[in-house]
């Protein structure tokens, strides 16, 4: 083997070793452990805990003067209100503590869908997703005043504690325009603060190639996962 060939192999090995931790960290940022998404016609609260300890709250509240009412007094679906995003971070110790608390609850008797209680435009309908390491994923739909199993009720209660971990004084949204479609030249800010530029779509159009601005790295991400990995659109080229 020539010296040039050996050097090339060493370079490729070092590149693989360097990219491994970065890819793993990227996966942790986008892997969801828990999501509690509750909405009604007057607002929405979407709380997500990621595997790297990031807590994200997306909150939408429709102002009173934006509501319209039918003759029966029920609100008609308004245009989307302002959507705001808030972030918080758990330390590794805090994250493990929450995972232990979630893991202690008995969810074997929980139903995927409960017998929904009284409803209405003002009553929240919720979706709970739980993806704990080493346990089967569980999803549940319920309304705000449903009677839940003890284990599910405890998981919901613990999840709502995470609301205290986000900084509501620092709103990061409106982050993306409504129905945002990534375009070449868009500059996005990732959850960790690094900036990336959209380069192109992948061959089949389902993924997006982004190039790091703060660091020389190229990443690929499913276009439907952009809002989970990136906090906002900073600017557009056109």
Protein backbone atom coordinates (compact mmCIF):
# COMPACT_ATOMS: atom_id res chain seq x y z
CA UNK A 1 0.00 0.00 0.00
CA UNK A 2 1.33 3.42 -0.90
CA UNK A 3 1.82 6.19 1.63
CA UNK A 4 -0.93 8.18 -0.07
CA UNK A 5 -3.38 5.26 0.23
CA UNK A 6 -2.52 4.75 3.90
CA UNK A 7 -2.99 8.46 4.62
CA UNK A 8 -6.39 8.37 2.95
CA UNK A 9 -7.49 5.42 5.10
CA UNK A 10 -6.32 7.16 8.26
CA UNK A 11 -8.19 10.34 7.26
CA UNK A 12 -11.41 8.41 6.62
CA UNK A 13 -11.06 6.62 9.96
CA UNK A 14 -10.60 9.91 11.81
CA UNK A 15 -13.57 11.42 9.97
CA UNK A 16 -15.77 8.48 10.98
CA UNK A 17 -14.65 8.72 14.61
CA UNK A 18 -15.37 12.47 14.67
CA UNK A 19 -18.79 12.18 13.08
CA UNK A 20 -19.96 9.35 15.34
CA UNK A 21 -20.50 11.44 18.51
CA UNK A 22 -22.05 14.27 16.46
CA UNK A 23 -24.55 11.90 14.85
CA UNK A 24 -25.38 10.37 18.22
CA UNK A 25 -25.94 13.81 19.76
CA UNK A 26 -28.14 14.81 16.85
CA UNK A 27 -30.23 11.68 17.35
CA UNK A 28 -30.67 12.43 21.05
CA UNK A 29 -31.88 15.95 20.24
CA UNK A 30 -34.67 14.66 18.02
CA UNK A 31 -35.64 11.46 19.89
CA UNK A 32 -38.85 12.02 21.84
CA UNK A 33 -39.26 10.45 25.27
CA UNK A 34 -42.55 12.06 26.19
CA UNK A 35 -45.10 14.28 24.51
CA UNK A 36 -48.29 15.71 25.97
CA UNK A 37 -50.28 17.65 23.38
CA UNK A 38 -53.56 19.21 24.56
CA UNK A 39 -55.71 21.50 22.45
CA UNK A 40 -59.14 23.05 22.19
CA UNK A 41 -60.61 25.69 19.91
CA UNK A 42 -59.25 28.43 22.15
CA UNK A 43 -55.66 27.23 22.44
CA UNK A 44 -53.04 24.52 22.42
CA UNK A 45 -50.24 23.39 24.72
CA UNK A 46 -47.72 20.94 23.26
CA UNK A 47 -45.07 19.74 25.74
CA UNK A 48 -42.18 17.52 24.57
CA UNK A 49 -39.25 15.97 26.44
CA UNK A 50 -36.30 14.94 24.25
CA UNK A 51 -33.66 12.32 25.01
CA UNK A 52 -30.91 14.95 25.46
CA UNK A 53 -32.87 16.60 28.30
CA UNK A 54 -34.38 19.47 26.28
CA UNK A 55 -37.93 20.41 27.28
CA UNK A 56 -39.91 22.20 24.59
CA UNK A 57 -43.25 23.91 25.06
CA UNK A 58 -45.21 25.13 22.06
CA UNK A 59 -48.14 27.23 23.17
CA UNK A 60 -50.92 28.81 21.17
CA UNK A 61 -53.58 31.02 22.69
CA UNK A 62 -56.40 32.59 20.71
CA UNK A 63 -57.14 36.09 21.95
CA UNK A 64 -60.68 36.79 23.10
CA UNK A 65 -61.30 39.29 20.31
CA UNK A 66 -60.28 36.69 17.71
CA UNK A 67 -63.05 34.26 18.66
CA UNK A 68 -66.20 34.10 16.60
CA UNK A 69 -69.41 32.50 17.81
CA UNK A 70 -72.23 30.71 16.09
CA UNK A 71 -75.90 31.29 16.92
CA UNK A 72 -75.66 28.42 19.41
CA UNK A 73 -72.88 30.14 21.31
CA UNK A 74 -70.20 27.61 20.28
CA UNK A 75 -66.89 29.02 19.03
CA UNK A 76 -66.13 28.51 15.36
CA UNK A 77 -62.58 27.42 14.56
CA UNK A 78 -60.60 30.68 14.32
CA UNK A 79 -57.51 31.34 12.29
CA UNK A 80 -54.40 30.09 14.04
CA UNK A 81 -53.38 32.29 16.92
CA UNK A 82 -49.78 33.24 17.60
CA UNK A 83 -47.66 30.15 18.24
CA UNK A 84 -44.83 30.60 20.74
CA UNK A 85 -42.08 28.19 21.69
CA UNK A 86 -40.23 28.04 25.00
CA UNK A 87 -37.27 25.84 25.92
CA UNK A 88 -35.76 24.43 29.08
CA UNK A 89 -32.95 22.03 29.88
CA UNK A 90 -32.73 19.16 32.36
CA UNK A 91 -29.38 18.12 33.77
CA UNK A 92 -28.46 14.45 33.19
CA UNK A 93 -29.34 13.74 36.81
CA UNK A 94 -32.73 15.44 36.50
CA UNK A 95 -33.48 13.59 33.27
CA UNK A 96 -32.71 10.22 34.83
CA UNK A 97 -34.85 11.15 37.82
CA UNK A 98 -37.85 11.85 35.60
CA UNK A 99 -37.29 8.64 33.63
CA UNK A 100 -37.26 6.63 36.88
CA UNK A 101 -40.50 8.27 38.00
CA UNK A 102 -42.20 7.62 34.68
CA UNK A 103 -40.89 4.04 34.65
CA UNK A 104 -42.34 3.26 38.09
CA UNK A 105 -45.92 3.81 36.95
CA UNK A 106 -47.99 0.80 35.97
CA UNK A 107 -49.43 1.51 32.52
CA UNK A 108 -50.34 -2.07 31.62
CA UNK A 109 -53.99 -1.44 32.46
CA UNK A 110 -54.13 1.81 30.52
CA UNK A 111 -56.31 1.95 27.43
CA UNK A 112 -55.01 3.37 24.18
CA UNK A 113 -58.22 5.44 24.00
CA UNK A 114 -60.47 6.17 26.96
CA UNK A 115 -64.24 6.53 26.94
CA UNK A 116 -64.20 10.25 26.38
CA UNK A 117 -66.11 12.33 28.91
CA UNK A 118 -68.04 15.52 28.35
CA UNK A 119 -66.61 17.48 25.46
CA UNK A 120 -67.02 20.82 23.75
CA UNK A 121 -65.09 23.50 21.96
CA UNK A 122 -63.59 24.75 25.22
CA UNK A 123 -62.63 21.31 26.59
CA UNK A 124 -59.07 20.17 25.88
CA UNK A 125 -58.48 16.95 23.99
CA UNK A 126 -55.08 15.46 24.76
CA UNK A 127 -52.65 13.01 23.22
CA UNK A 128 -50.04 11.39 25.49
CA UNK A 129 -47.03 9.66 23.96
CA UNK A 130 -44.48 7.84 26.10
CA UNK A 131 -41.32 6.27 24.66
CA UNK A 132 -39.22 5.12 27.62
CA UNK A 133 -35.94 3.26 27.01
CA UNK A 134 -36.42 -0.49 27.29
CA UNK A 135 -40.22 -0.26 27.45
CA UNK A 136 -42.91 -0.50 24.77
CA UNK A 137 -44.14 2.82 23.45
CA UNK A 138 -47.58 3.88 24.67
CA UNK A 139 -50.06 6.38 23.24
CA UNK A 140 -53.29 7.55 24.77
CA UNK A 141 -56.07 9.97 23.79
CA UNK A 142 -58.22 11.55 26.47
CA UNK A 143 -60.09 14.71 27.41
CA UNK A 144 -59.26 17.06 30.23
CA UNK A 145 -61.88 15.70 32.65
CA UNK A 146 -61.70 11.99 31.79
CA UNK A 147 -61.22 9.43 34.54
CA UNK A 148 -57.77 8.00 33.86
CA UNK A 149 -56.09 4.94 35.32
CA UNK A 150 -53.88 5.69 38.32
CA UNK A 151 -50.68 5.10 36.36
CA UNK A 152 -51.68 7.32 33.44
CA UNK A 153 -52.89 10.08 35.76
CA UNK A 154 -49.53 10.03 37.53
CA UNK A 155 -47.60 10.22 34.24
CA UNK A 156 -49.70 13.22 33.17
CA UNK A 157 -49.15 14.91 36.53
CA UNK A 158 -45.37 14.36 36.37
CA UNK A 159 -45.31 15.56 32.77
CA UNK A 160 -47.02 18.81 33.76
CA UNK A 161 -44.21 19.39 36.27
CA UNK A 162 -41.92 19.86 33.27
CA UNK A 163 -43.77 23.09 32.49
CA UNK A 164 -41.82 24.64 35.36
CA UNK A 165 -38.56 23.87 33.55
CA UNK A 166 -39.21 26.11 30.55
CA UNK A 167 -38.38 29.80 30.46
CA UNK A 168 -41.59 31.62 29.54
CA UNK A 169 -39.75 34.95 29.56
CA UNK A 170 -37.89 34.02 26.39
CA UNK A 171 -40.27 33.24 23.55
CA UNK A 172 -38.62 31.77 20.48
CA UNK A 173 -41.64 31.87 18.19
CA UNK A 174 -43.34 32.68 15.92
CA UNK A 175 -40.38 30.68 14.61
CA UNK A 176 -41.52 29.50 11.20
CA UNK A 177 -44.04 31.02 8.82
CA UNK A 178 -47.35 29.14 8.62
CA UNK A 179 -47.05 26.05 6.41
CA UNK A 180 -43.30 26.62 6.18
CA UNK A 181 -41.54 24.74 3.35
CA UNK A 182 -37.72 24.80 3.50
CA UNK A 183 -36.07 26.46 0.50
CA UNK A 184 -32.49 26.66 -0.66
CA UNK A 185 -30.61 29.39 1.18
CA UNK A 186 -32.83 29.39 4.30
CA UNK A 187 -30.80 29.85 7.49
CA UNK A 188 -32.18 27.93 10.48
CA UNK A 189 -31.17 27.96 14.13
CA UNK A 190 -30.96 24.55 15.76
CA UNK A 191 -32.07 23.89 19.34
CA UNK A 192 -28.44 24.01 20.50
CA UNK A 193 -27.97 27.47 18.95
CA UNK A 194 -25.92 26.44 15.91
CA UNK A 195 -26.95 27.89 12.54
CA UNK A 196 -27.41 25.85 9.35
CA UNK A 197 -28.18 26.76 5.75
CA UNK A 198 -30.52 24.69 3.58
CA UNK A 199 -28.52 23.38 0.62
CA UNK A 200 -30.90 21.11 -1.26
CA UNK A 201 -33.48 18.36 -1.00
CA UNK A 202 -32.30 14.76 -1.11
CA UNK A 203 -32.82 12.75 -4.29
CA UNK A 204 -36.31 11.48 -3.37
CA UNK A 205 -37.39 14.78 -1.83
CA UNK A 206 -38.16 13.49 1.67
CA UNK A 207 -35.01 14.82 3.30
CA UNK A 208 -33.16 18.11 3.46
CA UNK A 209 -29.41 18.65 3.30
CA UNK A 210 -28.14 21.42 5.57
CA UNK A 211 -24.67 22.89 5.85
CA UNK A 212 -23.31 24.22 9.11
CA UNK A 213 -22.48 27.92 9.28
CA UNK A 214 -20.83 27.92 12.72
CA UNK A 215 -19.03 24.62 12.14
CA UNK A 216 -17.98 22.66 9.02
CA UNK A 217 -20.56 19.88 9.13
CA UNK A 218 -23.28 18.65 6.80
CA UNK A 219 -26.42 17.01 8.16
CA UNK A 220 -29.47 15.39 6.62
CA UNK A 221 -32.89 15.49 8.22
CA UNK A 222 -36.40 14.48 7.25
CA UNK A 223 -38.22 17.64 6.21
CA UNK A 224 -41.14 16.75 8.53
CA UNK A 225 -38.75 16.78 11.53
CA UNK A 226 -37.34 20.27 11.01
CA UNK A 227 -39.58 21.85 13.63
CA UNK A 228 -38.47 19.24 16.19
CA UNK A 229 -34.74 19.83 15.58
CA UNK A 230 -34.68 23.56 14.79
CA UNK A 231 -36.07 26.40 16.83
CA UNK A 232 -36.59 29.07 14.17
CA UNK A 233 -36.02 30.45 10.70
CA UNK A 234 -33.48 33.25 10.91
CA UNK A 235 -33.59 34.53 7.34
CA UNK A 236 -34.40 33.60 3.78
CA UNK A 237 -32.14 34.16 0.79
CA UNK A 238 -34.95 35.57 -1.36
